[in-house]
PDB file of N, CA and C in Angstrom:
ATOM      1  N   UNK A   1      -8.694  -6.835 -17.865  1.00  0.00           N
ATOM      2  CA  UNK A   1      -8.760  -5.378 -17.616  1.00  0.00           C
ATOM      3  C   UNK A   1      -7.929  -4.599 -18.593  1.00  0.00           C
ATOM      4  N   UNK A   2      -6.778  -4.980 -18.890  1.00  0.00           N
ATOM      5  CA  UNK A   2      -6.141  -4.006 -19.778  1.00  0.00           C
ATOM      6  C   UNK A   2      -6.698  -3.908 -21.068  1.00  0.00           C
ATOM      7  N   UNK A   3      -7.641  -5.172 -21.779  1.00  0.00           N
ATOM      8  CA  UNK A   3      -8.375  -4.702 -22.941  1.00  0.00           C
ATOM      9  C   UNK A   3      -9.276  -3.607 -22.914  1.00  0.00           C
ATOM     10  N   UNK A   4      -9.889  -3.361 -21.497  1.00  0.00           N
ATOM     11  CA  UNK A   4     -11.101  -2.610 -21.527  1.00  0.00           C
ATOM     12  C   UNK A   4     -10.489  -1.344 -20.898  1.00  0.00           C
ATOM     13  N   UNK A   5      -9.172  -1.067 -20.708  1.00  0.00           N
ATOM     14  CA  UNK A   5      -8.582   0.040 -20.260  1.00  0.00           C
ATOM     15  C   UNK A   5      -8.698   0.363 -18.850  1.00  0.00           C
ATOM     16  N   UNK A   6      -8.792  -0.642 -18.031  1.00  0.00           N
ATOM     17  CA  UNK A   6      -9.042  -0.465 -16.593  1.00  0.00           C
ATOM     18  C   UNK A   6      -7.727  -0.486 -15.871  1.00  0.00           C
ATOM     19  N   UNK A   7      -7.270   0.558 -15.040  1.00  0.00           N
ATOM     20  CA  UNK A   7      -5.960   0.253 -14.401  1.00  0.00           C
ATOM     21  C   UNK A   7      -6.292  -0.445 -13.064  1.00  0.00           C
ATOM     22  N   UNK A   8      -5.291  -1.256 -12.567  1.00  0.00           N
ATOM     23  CA  UNK A   8      -5.552  -1.800 -11.333  1.00  0.00           C
ATOM     24  C   UNK A   8      -5.236  -0.861 -10.061  1.00  0.00           C
ATOM     25  N   UNK A   9      -5.920  -1.060  -9.270  1.00  0.00           N
ATOM     26  CA  UNK A   9      -5.873  -0.187  -8.043  1.00  0.00           C
ATOM     27  C   UNK A   9      -4.955  -0.835  -6.832  1.00  0.00           C
ATOM     28  N   UNK A  10      -5.504  -2.134  -6.767  1.00  0.00           N
ATOM     29  CA  UNK A  10      -4.651  -3.055  -5.645  1.00  0.00           C
ATOM     30  C   UNK A  10      -3.427  -3.763  -6.208  1.00  0.00           C
ATOM     31  N   UNK A  11      -2.152  -3.405  -5.406  1.00  0.00           N
ATOM     32  CA  UNK A  11      -0.833  -3.905  -6.007  1.00  0.00           C
ATOM     33  C   UNK A  11      -0.992  -5.405  -6.128  1.00  0.00           C
ATOM     34  N   UNK A  12      -0.124  -6.134  -7.014  1.00  0.00           N
ATOM     35  CA  UNK A  12      -0.190  -7.767  -7.263  1.00  0.00           C
ATOM     36  C   UNK A  12       0.780  -8.235  -5.764  1.00  0.00           C
ATOM     37  N   UNK A  13       0.298  -9.329  -5.413  1.00  0.00           N
ATOM     38  CA  UNK A  13       0.720  -9.978  -4.034  1.00  0.00           C
ATOM     39  C   UNK A  13       2.028 -10.544  -4.478  1.00  0.00           C
ATOM     40  N   UNK A  14       2.950 -10.656  -3.788  1.00  0.00           N
ATOM     41  CA  UNK A  14       4.165 -11.316  -3.760  1.00  0.00           C
ATOM     42  C   UNK A  14       4.306 -12.567  -4.235  1.00  0.00           C
ATOM     43  N   UNK A  15       3.394 -13.350  -3.643  1.00  0.00           N
ATOM     44  CA  UNK A  15       3.368 -14.619  -4.114  1.00  0.00           C
ATOM     45  C   UNK A  15       2.747 -14.925  -5.586  1.00  0.00           C
ATOM     46  N   UNK A  16       1.981 -14.103  -6.074  1.00  0.00           N
ATOM     47  CA  UNK A  16       1.358 -14.120  -7.400  1.00  0.00           C
ATOM     48  C   UNK A  16       2.512 -13.601  -8.416  1.00  0.00           C
ATOM     49  N   UNK A  17       3.248 -12.655  -8.032  1.00  0.00           N
ATOM     50  CA  UNK A  17       4.312 -12.167  -8.844  1.00  0.00           C
ATOM     51  C   UNK A  17       5.408 -13.232  -8.921  1.00  0.00           C
ATOM     52  N   UNK A  18       5.766 -13.906  -7.734  1.00  0.00           N
ATOM     53  CA  UNK A  18       6.727 -14.874  -7.978  1.00  0.00           C
ATOM     54  C   UNK A  18       6.096 -16.126  -8.994  1.00  0.00           C
ATOM     55  N   UNK A  19       5.010 -16.513  -8.674  1.00  0.00           N
ATOM     56  CA  UNK A  19       4.299 -17.459  -9.563  1.00  0.00           C
ATOM     57  C   UNK A  19       4.390 -17.141 -10.924  1.00  0.00           C
ATOM     58  N   UNK A  20       3.885 -15.834 -11.275  1.00  0.00           N
ATOM     59  CA  UNK A  20       4.135 -15.310 -12.657  1.00  0.00           C
ATOM     60  C   UNK A  20       5.460 -15.489 -13.274  1.00  0.00           C
ATOM     61  N   UNK A  21       6.324 -14.790 -12.431  1.00  0.00           N
ATOM     62  CA  UNK A  21       7.773 -14.860 -13.022  1.00  0.00           C
ATOM     63  C   UNK A  21       8.422 -16.114 -13.125  1.00  0.00           C
ATOM     64  N   UNK A  22       7.762 -17.149 -12.420  1.00  0.00           N
ATOM     65  CA  UNK A  22       8.034 -18.574 -12.648  1.00  0.00           C
ATOM     66  C   UNK A  22       7.884 -19.193 -13.964  1.00  0.00           C
ATOM     67  N   UNK A  23       6.675 -18.703 -14.399  1.00  0.00           N
ATOM     68  CA  UNK A  23       6.319 -19.047 -15.862  1.00  0.00           C
ATOM     69  C   UNK A  23       7.092 -18.569 -16.884  1.00  0.00           C
ATOM     70  N   UNK A  24       7.883 -17.592 -16.559  1.00  0.00           N
ATOM     71  CA  UNK A  24       8.753 -16.984 -17.650  1.00  0.00           C
ATOM     72  C   UNK A  24       7.845 -16.068 -18.808  1.00  0.00           C
ATOM     73  N   UNK A  25       7.975 -15.938 -19.769  1.00  0.00           N
ATOM     74  CA  UNK A  25       7.220 -15.157 -20.950  1.00  0.00           C
ATOM     75  C   UNK A  25       5.812 -15.429 -21.051  1.00  0.00           C
ATOM     76  N   UNK A  26       5.572 -16.811 -20.403  1.00  0.00           N
ATOM     77  CA  UNK A  26       4.017 -17.257 -20.554  1.00  0.00           C
ATOM     78  C   UNK A  26       3.106 -16.534 -19.501  1.00  0.00           C
ATOM     79  N   UNK A  27       4.179 -16.096 -18.347  1.00  0.00           N
ATOM     80  CA  UNK A  27       3.283 -15.578 -17.506  1.00  0.00           C
ATOM     81  C   UNK A  27       2.843 -14.103 -17.341  1.00  0.00           C
ATOM     82  N   UNK A  28       3.028 -13.469 -18.557  1.00  0.00           N
ATOM     83  CA  UNK A  28       2.690 -12.075 -18.913  1.00  0.00           C
ATOM     84  C   UNK A  28       3.329 -10.911 -18.170  1.00  0.00           C
ATOM     85  N   UNK A  29       2.856  -9.940 -18.274  1.00  0.00           N
ATOM     86  CA  UNK A  29       3.321  -8.663 -17.728  1.00  0.00           C
ATOM     87  C   UNK A  29       3.175  -8.603 -16.406  1.00  0.00           C
ATOM     88  N   UNK A  30       3.928  -7.829 -15.472  1.00  0.00           N
ATOM     89  CA  UNK A  30       3.325  -7.604 -14.282  1.00  0.00           C
ATOM     90  C   UNK A  30       2.327  -6.471 -14.413  1.00  0.00           C
ATOM     91  N   UNK A  31       1.409  -6.634 -13.256  1.00  0.00           N
ATOM     92  CA  UNK A  31       0.626  -5.512 -13.107  1.00  0.00           C
ATOM     93  C   UNK A  31       0.931  -4.172 -12.516  1.00  0.00           C
ATOM     94  N   UNK A  32       0.713  -3.196 -13.339  1.00  0.00           N
ATOM     95  CA  UNK A  32       1.105  -1.988 -12.557  1.00  0.00           C
ATOM     96  C   UNK A  32      -0.031  -1.448 -11.869  1.00  0.00           C
ATOM     97  N   UNK A  33       0.112  -0.740 -10.800  1.00  0.00           N
ATOM     98  CA  UNK A  33      -1.101   0.030  -9.987  1.00  0.00           C
ATOM     99  C   UNK A  33      -0.890   1.330  -9.771  1.00  0.00           C
ATOM    100  N   UNK A  34      -1.958   2.048  -9.574  1.00  0.00           N
ATOM    101  CA  UNK A  34      -1.903   3.509  -9.208  1.00  0.00           C
ATOM    102  C   UNK A  34      -1.985   3.658  -7.619  1.00  0.00           C
ATOM    103  N   UNK A  35      -0.648   4.104  -7.073  1.00  0.00           N
ATOM    104  CA  UNK A  35      -0.423   4.130  -5.521  1.00  0.00           C
ATOM    105  C   UNK A  35      -1.476   5.300  -4.845  1.00  0.00           C
ATOM    106  N   UNK A  36      -1.837   6.311  -5.668  1.00  0.00           N
ATOM    107  CA  UNK A  36      -2.543   7.522  -5.206  1.00  0.00           C
ATOM    108  C   UNK A  36      -3.899   7.059  -5.044  1.00  0.00           C
ATOM    109  N   UNK A  37      -4.566   6.302  -6.048  1.00  0.00           N
ATOM    110  CA  UNK A  37      -5.935   5.722  -5.970  1.00  0.00           C
ATOM    111  C   UNK A  37      -5.945   4.601  -4.871  1.00  0.00           C
ATOM    112  N   UNK A  38      -4.903   3.836  -4.704  1.00  0.00           N
ATOM    113  CA  UNK A  38      -4.857   2.776  -3.681  1.00  0.00           C
ATOM    114  C   UNK A  38      -4.810   3.240  -2.268  1.00  0.00           C
ATOM    115  N   UNK A  39      -4.066   4.452  -1.968  1.00  0.00           N
ATOM    116  CA  UNK A  39      -4.131   5.186  -0.812  1.00  0.00           C
ATOM    117  C   UNK A  39      -5.787   5.748  -0.388  1.00  0.00           C
ATOM    118  N   UNK A  40      -6.344   6.194  -1.650  1.00  0.00           N
ATOM    119  CA  UNK A  40      -7.829   6.720  -1.422  1.00  0.00           C
ATOM    120  C   UNK A  40      -8.574   5.528  -1.171  1.00  0.00           C
ATOM    121  N   UNK A  41      -8.500   4.460  -1.477  1.00  0.00           N
ATOM    122  CA  UNK A  41      -9.375   3.376  -1.564  1.00  0.00           C
ATOM    123  C   UNK A  41      -9.149   2.728  -0.018  1.00  0.00           C
ATOM    124  N   UNK A  42      -7.930   2.725   0.358  1.00  0.00           N
ATOM    125  CA  UNK A  42      -7.558   2.155   1.687  1.00  0.00           C
ATOM    126  C   UNK A  42      -8.384   3.132   2.675  1.00  0.00           C
ATOM    127  N   UNK A  43      -8.360   4.533   2.584  1.00  0.00           N
ATOM    128  CA  UNK A  43      -9.035   5.397   3.402  1.00  0.00           C
ATOM    129  C   UNK A  43     -10.550   4.982   3.404  1.00  0.00           C
ATOM    130  N   UNK A  44     -11.188   4.974   2.154  1.00  0.00           N
ATOM    131  CA  UNK A  44     -12.594   4.472   1.947  1.00  0.00           C
ATOM    132  C   UNK A  44     -13.008   3.233   2.799  1.00  0.00           C
ATOM    133  N   UNK A  45     -12.160   2.237   2.616  1.00  0.00           N
ATOM    134  CA  UNK A  45     -12.254   0.924   3.250  1.00  0.00           C
ATOM    135  C   UNK A  45     -12.218   0.828   4.712  1.00  0.00           C
ATOM    136  N   UNK A  46     -11.281   1.659   5.340  1.00  0.00           N
ATOM    137  CA  UNK A  46     -11.341   2.011   6.696  1.00  0.00           C
ATOM    138  C   UNK A  46     -12.433   2.426   7.375  1.00  0.00           C
ATOM    139  N   UNK A  47     -13.171   3.520   6.445  1.00  0.00           N
ATOM    140  CA  UNK A  47     -14.115   4.205   6.844  1.00  0.00           C
ATOM    141  C   UNK A  47     -15.587   3.251   6.990  1.00  0.00           C
ATOM    142  N   UNK A  48     -15.554   2.526   5.871  1.00  0.00           N
ATOM    143  CA  UNK A  48     -16.529   1.511   5.732  1.00  0.00           C
ATOM    144  C   UNK A  48     -16.497   0.486   7.230  1.00  0.00           C
ATOM    145  N   UNK A  49     -15.314   0.013   7.486  1.00  0.00           N
ATOM    146  CA  UNK A  49     -14.876  -0.849   8.645  1.00  0.00           C
ATOM    147  C   UNK A  49     -15.497  -0.195  10.029  1.00  0.00           C
ATOM    148  N   UNK A  50     -15.187   1.150  10.039  1.00  0.00           N
ATOM    149  CA  UNK A  50     -15.621   1.960  11.285  1.00  0.00           C
ATOM    150  C   UNK A  50     -17.268   1.737  11.294  1.00  0.00           C
ATOM    151  N   UNK A  51     -17.902   1.971  10.095  1.00  0.00           N
ATOM    152  CA  UNK A  51     -19.347   2.082  10.356  1.00  0.00           C
ATOM    153  C   UNK A  51     -19.893   0.630  10.511  1.00  0.00           C
ATOM    154  N   UNK A  52     -19.279  -0.142  10.113  1.00  0.00           N
ATOM    155  CA  UNK A  52     -19.650  -1.620  10.222  1.00  0.00           C
ATOM    156  C   UNK A  52     -19.507  -2.277  11.817  1.00  0.00           C
ATOM    157  N   UNK A  53     -18.571  -1.438  12.545  1.00  0.00           N
ATOM    158  CA  UNK A  53     -18.632  -1.936  14.013  1.00  0.00           C
ATOM    159  C   UNK A  53     -19.708  -1.624  14.558  1.00  0.00           C
ATOM    160  N   UNK A  54     -20.550  -0.987  14.159  1.00  0.00           N
ATOM    161  CA  UNK A  54     -21.875  -0.583  14.779  1.00  0.00           C
ATOM    162  C   UNK A  54     -22.775  -1.814  14.206  1.00  0.00           C
ATOM    163  N   UNK A  55     -23.353  -2.699  15.505  1.00  0.00           N
ATOM    164  CA  UNK A  55     -24.018  -3.831  15.203  1.00  0.00           C
ATOM    165  C   UNK A  55     -25.311  -3.747  14.344  1.00  0.00           C
ATOM    166  N   UNK A  56     -26.086  -2.502  14.750  1.00  0.00           N
ATOM    167  CA  UNK A  56     -27.334  -2.268  13.854  1.00  0.00           C
ATOM    168  C   UNK A  56     -27.010  -2.086  12.235  1.00  0.00           C
ATOM    169  N   UNK A  57     -25.981  -1.588  11.940  1.00  0.00           N
ATOM    170  CA  UNK A  57     -25.543  -1.336  10.619  1.00  0.00           C
ATOM    171  C   UNK A  57     -25.107  -2.712  10.066  1.00  0.00           C
ATOM    172  N   UNK A  58     -24.337  -3.268  10.766  1.00  0.00           N
ATOM    173  CA  UNK A  58     -23.539  -4.483  10.059  1.00  0.00           C
ATOM    174  C   UNK A  58     -24.457  -5.671   9.864  1.00  0.00           C
ATOM    175  N   UNK A  59     -25.431  -5.723  10.859  1.00  0.00           N
ATOM    176  CA  UNK A  59     -26.146  -6.995  10.683  1.00  0.00           C
ATOM    177  C   UNK A  59     -27.740  -6.580  10.072  1.00  0.00           C
ATOM    178  N   UNK A  60     -27.725  -5.601   9.484  1.00  0.00           N
ATOM    179  CA  UNK A  60     -29.001  -5.137   8.947  1.00  0.00           C
ATOM    180  C   UNK A  60     -30.325  -5.342   9.997  1.00  0.00           C
ATOM    181  N   UNK A  61     -30.210  -4.955  11.424  1.00  0.00           N
ATOM    182  CA  UNK A  61     -31.570  -5.069  12.078  1.00  0.00           C
ATOM    183  C   UNK A  61     -32.570  -4.076  11.612  1.00  0.00           C
ATOM    184  N   UNK A  62     -32.054  -3.079  11.015  1.00  0.00           N
ATOM    185  CA  UNK A  62     -33.095  -2.157  10.692  1.00  0.00           C
ATOM    186  C   UNK A  62     -33.658  -2.673   9.224  1.00  0.00           C
ATOM    187  N   UNK A  63     -34.641  -3.144   9.155  1.00  0.00           N
ATOM    188  CA  UNK A  63     -35.089  -3.873   7.963  1.00  0.00           C
ATOM    189  C   UNK A  63     -35.690  -2.782   6.803  1.00  0.00           C
ATOM    190  N   UNK A  64     -36.333  -1.795   7.290  1.00  0.00           N
ATOM    191  CA  UNK A  64     -36.794  -0.588   6.110  1.00  0.00           C
ATOM    192  C   UNK A  64     -35.399   0.185   5.846  1.00  0.00           C
ATOM    193  N   UNK A  65     -35.478   0.856   4.506  1.00  0.00           N
ATOM    194  CA  UNK A  65     -34.709   1.637   3.973  1.00  0.00           C
ATOM    195  C   UNK A  65     -34.277   2.818   4.906  1.00  0.00           C
ATOM    196  N   UNK A  66     -35.552   3.415   5.334  1.00  0.00           N
ATOM    197  CA  UNK A  66     -35.426   4.434   6.018  1.00  0.00           C
ATOM    198  C   UNK A  66     -34.643   4.481   7.308  1.00  0.00           C
ATOM    199  N   UNK A  67     -35.144   3.322   7.990  1.00  0.00           N
ATOM    200  CA  UNK A  67     -34.266   3.246   9.434  1.00  0.00           C
ATOM    201  C   UNK A  67     -32.886   2.860   9.319  1.00  0.00           C
ATOM    202  N   UNK A  68     -32.489   2.339   8.114  1.00  0.00           N
ATOM    203  CA  UNK A  68     -31.060   1.842   7.900  1.00  0.00           C
ATOM    204  C   UNK A  68     -30.468   3.218   7.718  1.00  0.00           C
ATOM    205  N   UNK A  69     -31.123   4.022   6.514  1.00  0.00           N
ATOM    206  CA  UNK A  69     -30.431   5.163   6.482  1.00  0.00           C
ATOM    207  C   UNK A  69     -30.112   6.171   7.549  1.00  0.00           C
ATOM    208  N   UNK A  70     -31.469   6.187   8.737  1.00  0.00           N
ATOM    209  CA  UNK A  70     -31.260   6.782   9.844  1.00  0.00           C
ATOM    210  C   UNK A  70     -30.035   6.328  10.674  1.00  0.00           C
ATOM    211  N   UNK A  71     -29.781   5.117  10.789  1.00  0.00           N
ATOM    212  CA  UNK A  71     -28.737   4.446  11.297  1.00  0.00           C
ATOM    213  C   UNK A  71     -27.378   4.823  10.985  1.00  0.00           C
ATOM    214  N   UNK A  72     -27.272   4.882   9.640  1.00  0.00           N
ATOM    215  CA  UNK A  72     -26.123   5.457   8.957  1.00  0.00           C
ATOM    216  C   UNK A  72     -25.675   6.864   9.411  1.00  0.00           C
ATOM    217  N   UNK A  73     -26.722   7.607   9.399  1.00  0.00           N
ATOM    218  CA  UNK A  73     -26.561   8.975   9.511  1.00  0.00           C
ATOM    219  C   UNK A  73     -26.248   9.022  11.087  1.00  0.00           C
ATOM    220  N   UNK A  74     -26.691   8.179  11.868  1.00  0.00           N
ATOM    221  CA  UNK A  74     -26.580   8.367  13.187  1.00  0.00           C
ATOM    222  C   UNK A  74     -24.995   7.814  13.615  1.00  0.00           C
ATOM    223  N   UNK A  75     -24.654   6.824  12.943  1.00  0.00           N
ATOM    224  CA  UNK A  75     -23.215   6.327  13.030  1.00  0.00           C
ATOM    225  C   UNK A  75     -22.220   7.460  12.491  1.00  0.00           C
ATOM    226  N   UNK A  76     -22.495   8.053  11.311  1.00  0.00           N
ATOM    227  CA  UNK A  76     -21.611   8.944  10.793  1.00  0.00           C
ATOM    228  C   UNK A  76     -21.619  10.095  11.850  1.00  0.00           C
ATOM    229  N   UNK A  77     -22.516  10.543  12.390  1.00  0.00           N
ATOM    230  CA  UNK A  77     -22.516  11.680  13.104  1.00  0.00           C
ATOM    231  C   UNK A  77     -21.790  11.269  14.492  1.00  0.00           C
ATOM    232  N   UNK A  78     -22.008  10.143  15.094  1.00  0.00           N
ATOM    233  CA  UNK A  78     -20.967   9.716  16.057  1.00  0.00           C
ATOM    234  C   UNK A  78     -19.624   9.767  15.630  1.00  0.00           C
ATOM    235  N   UNK A  79     -19.327   9.249  14.575  1.00  0.00           N
ATOM    236  CA  UNK A  79     -17.829   9.431  14.031  1.00  0.00           C
ATOM    237  C   UNK A  79     -17.375  10.561  13.962  1.00  0.00           C
ATOM    238  N   UNK A  80     -18.047  11.551  13.474  1.00  0.00           N
ATOM    239  CA  UNK A  80     -17.764  12.912  13.277  1.00  0.00           C
ATOM    240  C   UNK A  80     -17.444  13.608  14.658  1.00  0.00           C
ATOM    241  N   UNK A  81     -18.342  13.363  15.561  1.00  0.00           N
ATOM    242  CA  UNK A  81     -18.061  14.027  16.897  1.00  0.00           C
ATOM    243  C   UNK A  81     -16.885  13.408  17.665  1.00  0.00           C
ATOM    244  N   UNK A  82     -16.755  12.223  17.343  1.00  0.00           N
ATOM    245  CA  UNK A  82     -15.291  11.913  17.998  1.00  0.00           C
ATOM    246  C   UNK A  82     -14.223  12.411  17.207  1.00  0.00           C
ATOM    247  N   UNK A  83     -14.387  12.604  16.122  1.00  0.00           N
ATOM    248  CA  UNK A  83     -13.293  13.093  15.435  1.00  0.00           C
ATOM    249  C   UNK A  83     -12.891  14.712  15.851  1.00  0.00           C
ATOM    250  N   UNK A  84     -14.115  15.403  16.137  1.00  0.00           N
ATOM    251  CA  UNK A  84     -13.834  16.622  16.709  1.00  0.00           C
ATOM    252  C   UNK A  84     -13.277  16.715  18.026  1.00  0.00           C
ATOM    253  N   UNK A  85     -13.684  15.610  19.035  1.00  0.00           N
ATOM    254  CA  UNK A  85     -12.935  15.812  20.115  1.00  0.00           C
ATOM    255  C   UNK A  85     -11.601  15.020  20.293  1.00  0.00           C
ATOM    256  N   UNK A  86     -10.908  16.065  21.061  1.00  0.00           N
ATOM    257  CA  UNK A  86      -9.369  15.779  21.188  1.00  0.00           C
ATOM    258  C   UNK A  86      -9.279  14.762  22.059  1.00  0.00           C
ATOM    259  N   UNK A  87      -8.328  13.952  21.604  1.00  0.00           N
ATOM    260  CA  UNK A  87      -8.154  12.607  22.415  1.00  0.00           C
ATOM    261  C   UNK A  87      -6.778  13.008  23.346  1.00  0.00           C
ATOM    262  N   UNK A  88      -6.764  12.433  24.627  1.00  0.00           N
ATOM    263  CA  UNK A  88      -5.801  12.403  25.607  1.00  0.00           C
ATOM    264  C   UNK A  88      -5.047  11.354  25.770  1.00  0.00           C
TER     265      UNK A  88
END
């Protein structure tokens, strides 16, 4: 990734960092990541998980692209309406 100029978004796991540091100089440099991009990625991943909780979208019961898109729009509308409604 470094050769192509791609910056890591996901931070390195602790066990991977420990394993790399055990190797010494052969382990390479630690991976730096962009914390702001990671926050945005987390937001998008949580949004996709909320969409996937709807069984019709998660299992692709809707076989045609039109009905699948309609299901996505419907789920998005439900999520938007729940966001507008204050919770008590």
